[in-house]
Each structure stands twice: as C-alpha cells, then as structure tokens.
N, C-alpha and C. Protein backbone atom coordinates (compact mmCIF):
# COMPACT_ATOMS: atom_id res chain seq x y z
N MET A 1 58.24 -45.08 33.98
CA MET A 1 56.99 -45.46 34.62
C MET A 1 56.76 -44.67 35.89
N ASN A 2 55.54 -44.54 36.18
CA ASN A 2 55.14 -43.82 37.38
C ASN A 2 55.33 -44.72 38.61
N ALA A 3 55.94 -44.19 39.65
CA ALA A 3 56.19 -44.97 40.87
C ALA A 3 54.87 -45.39 41.52
N ARG A 4 53.88 -44.56 41.43
CA ARG A 4 52.57 -44.88 42.02
C ARG A 4 51.95 -46.11 41.34
N ARG A 5 52.08 -46.20 40.02
CA ARG A 5 51.54 -47.35 39.29
C ARG A 5 52.28 -48.63 39.66
N ILE A 6 53.57 -48.52 39.88
CA ILE A 6 54.35 -49.69 40.28
C ILE A 6 53.92 -50.16 41.66
N LEU A 7 53.78 -49.23 42.59
CA LEU A 7 53.33 -49.59 43.94
C LEU A 7 51.92 -50.17 43.92
N ASP A 8 51.04 -49.62 43.09
CA ASP A 8 49.69 -50.18 42.98
C ASP A 8 49.71 -51.59 42.43
N ALA A 9 50.59 -51.85 41.47
CA ALA A 9 50.69 -53.20 40.90
C ALA A 9 51.22 -54.19 41.93
N ILE A 10 52.20 -53.77 42.71
CA ILE A 10 52.73 -54.64 43.76
C ILE A 10 51.66 -54.91 44.82
N TRP A 11 50.95 -53.88 45.22
CA TRP A 11 49.87 -54.04 46.21
C TRP A 11 48.81 -55.00 45.68
N ASP A 12 48.41 -54.83 44.42
CA ASP A 12 47.39 -55.69 43.83
C ASP A 12 47.88 -57.14 43.74
N PHE A 13 49.15 -57.33 43.46
CA PHE A 13 49.71 -58.68 43.38
C PHE A 13 49.76 -59.34 44.75
N VAL A 14 50.19 -58.61 45.75
CA VAL A 14 50.36 -59.19 47.09
C VAL A 14 49.01 -59.33 47.79
N VAL A 15 48.21 -58.31 47.80
CA VAL A 15 46.96 -58.31 48.55
C VAL A 15 45.83 -58.91 47.70
N GLY A 16 45.74 -58.54 46.46
CA GLY A 16 44.70 -59.08 45.59
C GLY A 16 43.32 -58.62 45.98
N ASP A 17 42.35 -59.52 45.89
CA ASP A 17 40.96 -59.17 46.15
C ASP A 17 40.58 -59.27 47.62
N ASP A 18 41.35 -60.00 48.39
CA ASP A 18 40.96 -60.24 49.78
C ASP A 18 42.13 -59.91 50.72
N PRO A 19 42.12 -58.74 51.33
CA PRO A 19 43.20 -58.38 52.24
C PRO A 19 43.29 -59.30 53.45
N ARG A 20 42.18 -59.96 53.80
CA ARG A 20 42.22 -60.88 54.94
C ARG A 20 43.15 -62.06 54.67
N LEU A 21 43.20 -62.53 53.43
CA LEU A 21 44.09 -63.64 53.10
C LEU A 21 45.55 -63.20 53.13
N ALA A 22 45.81 -61.97 52.72
CA ALA A 22 47.18 -61.46 52.81
C ALA A 22 47.60 -61.33 54.28
N LEU A 23 46.69 -60.88 55.11
CA LEU A 23 46.96 -60.79 56.55
C LEU A 23 47.19 -62.17 57.14
N ALA A 24 46.41 -63.14 56.72
CA ALA A 24 46.59 -64.51 57.21
C ALA A 24 47.95 -65.07 56.79
N ALA A 25 48.40 -64.74 55.60
CA ALA A 25 49.72 -65.20 55.16
C ALA A 25 50.82 -64.59 56.03
N LEU A 26 50.68 -63.32 56.35
CA LEU A 26 51.67 -62.68 57.24
C LEU A 26 51.64 -63.30 58.63
N VAL A 27 50.45 -63.60 59.13
CA VAL A 27 50.33 -64.24 60.44
C VAL A 27 50.98 -65.62 60.40
N ALA A 28 50.75 -66.37 59.33
CA ALA A 28 51.34 -67.71 59.22
C ALA A 28 52.86 -67.64 59.21
N ILE A 29 53.41 -66.69 58.48
CA ILE A 29 54.87 -66.54 58.44
C ILE A 29 55.40 -66.15 59.82
N GLY A 30 54.74 -65.22 60.48
CA GLY A 30 55.17 -64.79 61.81
C GLY A 30 55.07 -65.90 62.84
N LEU A 31 53.96 -66.63 62.83
CA LEU A 31 53.80 -67.73 63.79
C LEU A 31 54.81 -68.84 63.53
N THR A 32 55.09 -69.11 62.26
CA THR A 32 56.09 -70.12 61.93
C THR A 32 57.46 -69.71 62.46
N ALA A 33 57.79 -68.44 62.32
CA ALA A 33 59.07 -67.97 62.83
C ALA A 33 59.15 -68.10 64.35
N VAL A 34 58.06 -67.78 65.03
CA VAL A 34 58.04 -67.89 66.49
C VAL A 34 58.16 -69.35 66.94
N VAL A 35 57.42 -70.23 66.29
CA VAL A 35 57.48 -71.64 66.66
C VAL A 35 58.87 -72.20 66.40
N CYS A 36 59.47 -71.83 65.28
CA CYS A 36 60.83 -72.29 64.97
C CYS A 36 61.85 -71.72 65.95
N ALA A 37 61.62 -70.51 66.44
CA ALA A 37 62.54 -69.90 67.40
C ALA A 37 62.56 -70.68 68.71
N PHE A 38 61.46 -71.35 69.03
CA PHE A 38 61.41 -72.19 70.22
C PHE A 38 61.97 -73.58 69.97
N GLY A 39 62.43 -73.82 68.75
CA GLY A 39 63.03 -75.10 68.43
C GLY A 39 62.04 -76.21 68.13
N LEU A 40 60.79 -75.84 67.87
CA LEU A 40 59.76 -76.82 67.58
C LEU A 40 59.57 -76.97 66.07
N SER A 41 59.00 -78.07 65.68
CA SER A 41 58.69 -78.30 64.28
C SER A 41 57.46 -77.49 63.89
N ALA A 42 57.54 -76.76 62.79
CA ALA A 42 56.44 -75.88 62.40
C ALA A 42 55.89 -76.20 61.02
N TRP A 43 56.14 -77.41 60.52
CA TRP A 43 55.68 -77.76 59.18
C TRP A 43 54.17 -77.75 59.07
N TRP A 44 53.47 -77.98 60.15
CA TRP A 44 52.03 -78.09 60.17
C TRP A 44 51.32 -76.74 60.26
N LEU A 45 52.05 -75.71 60.63
CA LEU A 45 51.42 -74.43 60.94
C LEU A 45 50.88 -73.71 59.70
N ALA A 46 51.65 -73.65 58.63
CA ALA A 46 51.20 -72.94 57.43
C ALA A 46 49.95 -73.58 56.82
N PRO A 47 49.89 -74.92 56.67
CA PRO A 47 48.64 -75.49 56.15
C PRO A 47 47.44 -75.27 57.08
N ALA A 48 47.66 -75.29 58.38
CA ALA A 48 46.56 -75.05 59.31
C ALA A 48 46.04 -73.63 59.19
N VAL A 49 46.94 -72.66 59.10
CA VAL A 49 46.52 -71.27 58.93
C VAL A 49 45.85 -71.08 57.58
N ALA A 50 46.35 -71.75 56.54
CA ALA A 50 45.75 -71.63 55.21
C ALA A 50 44.31 -72.16 55.22
N LEU A 51 44.08 -73.30 55.84
CA LEU A 51 42.72 -73.83 55.91
C LEU A 51 41.80 -72.93 56.73
N ALA A 52 42.30 -72.44 57.85
CA ALA A 52 41.48 -71.56 58.69
C ALA A 52 41.16 -70.25 57.97
N SER A 53 42.14 -69.69 57.27
CA SER A 53 41.89 -68.43 56.57
C SER A 53 40.97 -68.62 55.37
N LEU A 54 41.05 -69.78 54.72
CA LEU A 54 40.13 -70.06 53.62
C LEU A 54 38.70 -70.14 54.14
N ARG A 55 38.53 -70.81 55.26
CA ARG A 55 37.18 -70.88 55.86
C ARG A 55 36.69 -69.50 56.27
N TRP A 56 37.59 -68.70 56.83
CA TRP A 56 37.25 -67.34 57.25
C TRP A 56 36.84 -66.50 56.05
N SER A 57 37.56 -66.66 54.95
CA SER A 57 37.28 -65.89 53.74
C SER A 57 35.97 -66.34 53.09
N LEU A 58 35.74 -67.65 53.03
CA LEU A 58 34.53 -68.15 52.39
C LEU A 58 33.28 -67.90 53.22
N ARG A 59 33.42 -67.82 54.52
CA ARG A 59 32.27 -67.54 55.38
C ARG A 59 31.66 -66.19 55.03
N GLY A 60 32.48 -65.22 54.68
CA GLY A 60 31.97 -63.92 54.29
C GLY A 60 31.35 -63.91 52.91
N ALA A 61 31.68 -64.88 52.06
CA ALA A 61 31.16 -64.92 50.70
C ALA A 61 29.91 -65.76 50.59
N ARG A 62 29.60 -66.58 51.59
CA ARG A 62 28.45 -67.48 51.54
C ARG A 62 27.17 -66.69 51.78
N PRO A 63 26.17 -66.85 50.91
CA PRO A 63 24.90 -66.14 51.16
C PRO A 63 24.18 -66.74 52.35
N SER A 64 23.47 -65.91 53.05
CA SER A 64 22.72 -66.39 54.21
C SER A 64 21.45 -67.11 53.74
N ALA A 65 20.88 -67.91 54.62
CA ALA A 65 19.68 -68.68 54.28
C ALA A 65 18.49 -67.75 54.03
N THR A 66 18.42 -66.64 54.72
CA THR A 66 17.29 -65.74 54.54
C THR A 66 17.35 -65.05 53.19
N SER A 67 18.54 -64.67 52.73
CA SER A 67 18.63 -64.00 51.44
C SER A 67 18.39 -64.99 50.30
N ALA A 68 18.75 -66.27 50.49
CA ALA A 68 18.52 -67.27 49.46
C ALA A 68 17.01 -67.55 49.31
N SER A 69 16.28 -67.55 50.42
CA SER A 69 14.84 -67.83 50.34
C SER A 69 14.09 -66.65 49.73
N LYS A 70 14.59 -65.44 49.92
CA LYS A 70 13.94 -64.26 49.35
C LYS A 70 14.08 -64.23 47.84
N THR A 71 15.23 -64.68 47.33
CA THR A 71 15.46 -64.62 45.88
C THR A 71 14.72 -65.74 45.16
N SER A 72 14.40 -66.84 45.83
CA SER A 72 13.71 -67.94 45.16
C SER A 72 12.20 -67.73 45.10
N SER A 73 11.66 -66.78 45.85
CA SER A 73 10.21 -66.54 45.85
C SER A 73 9.80 -65.67 44.70
C-alpha cells in the first residue's frame, strides 16, 4: 500500500469533515491533563468542551434568517 493513502485514511478518520471538532478534542484532552496536574477533578471538562464545540460547529451550519427568507419567496 501507498504510505500517502494510509496517512490520508488516518487523517480522514481523526479529523473527518470538521477540523474544528478535532481541534476541540485536542483542547479537551490538553485541558484535562492540565486540570489533573493541579490535582483537581476534571470529569466535567470533557463533556463541557464537547457541548461547547458542538454549539460552535452547528452555529456555522445554521442558515441565517436572511437567506431563509430569500429562498421562501
């Protein structure tokens, strides 16, 4: 197999369609490590980042009110 095809498959699996969500996952892992390094409980951090990143991702996919009114006319 071609090494380039393998790397492309890994990239597609990890990043997928939305690189922002992959970045949010890395941020969540990093923040969890930092919080744990301070000896604090970090069980809440990953779900909080997941919800925030989902909202961030969906905000870009939501059509604006002006474009919705133009298509209905």
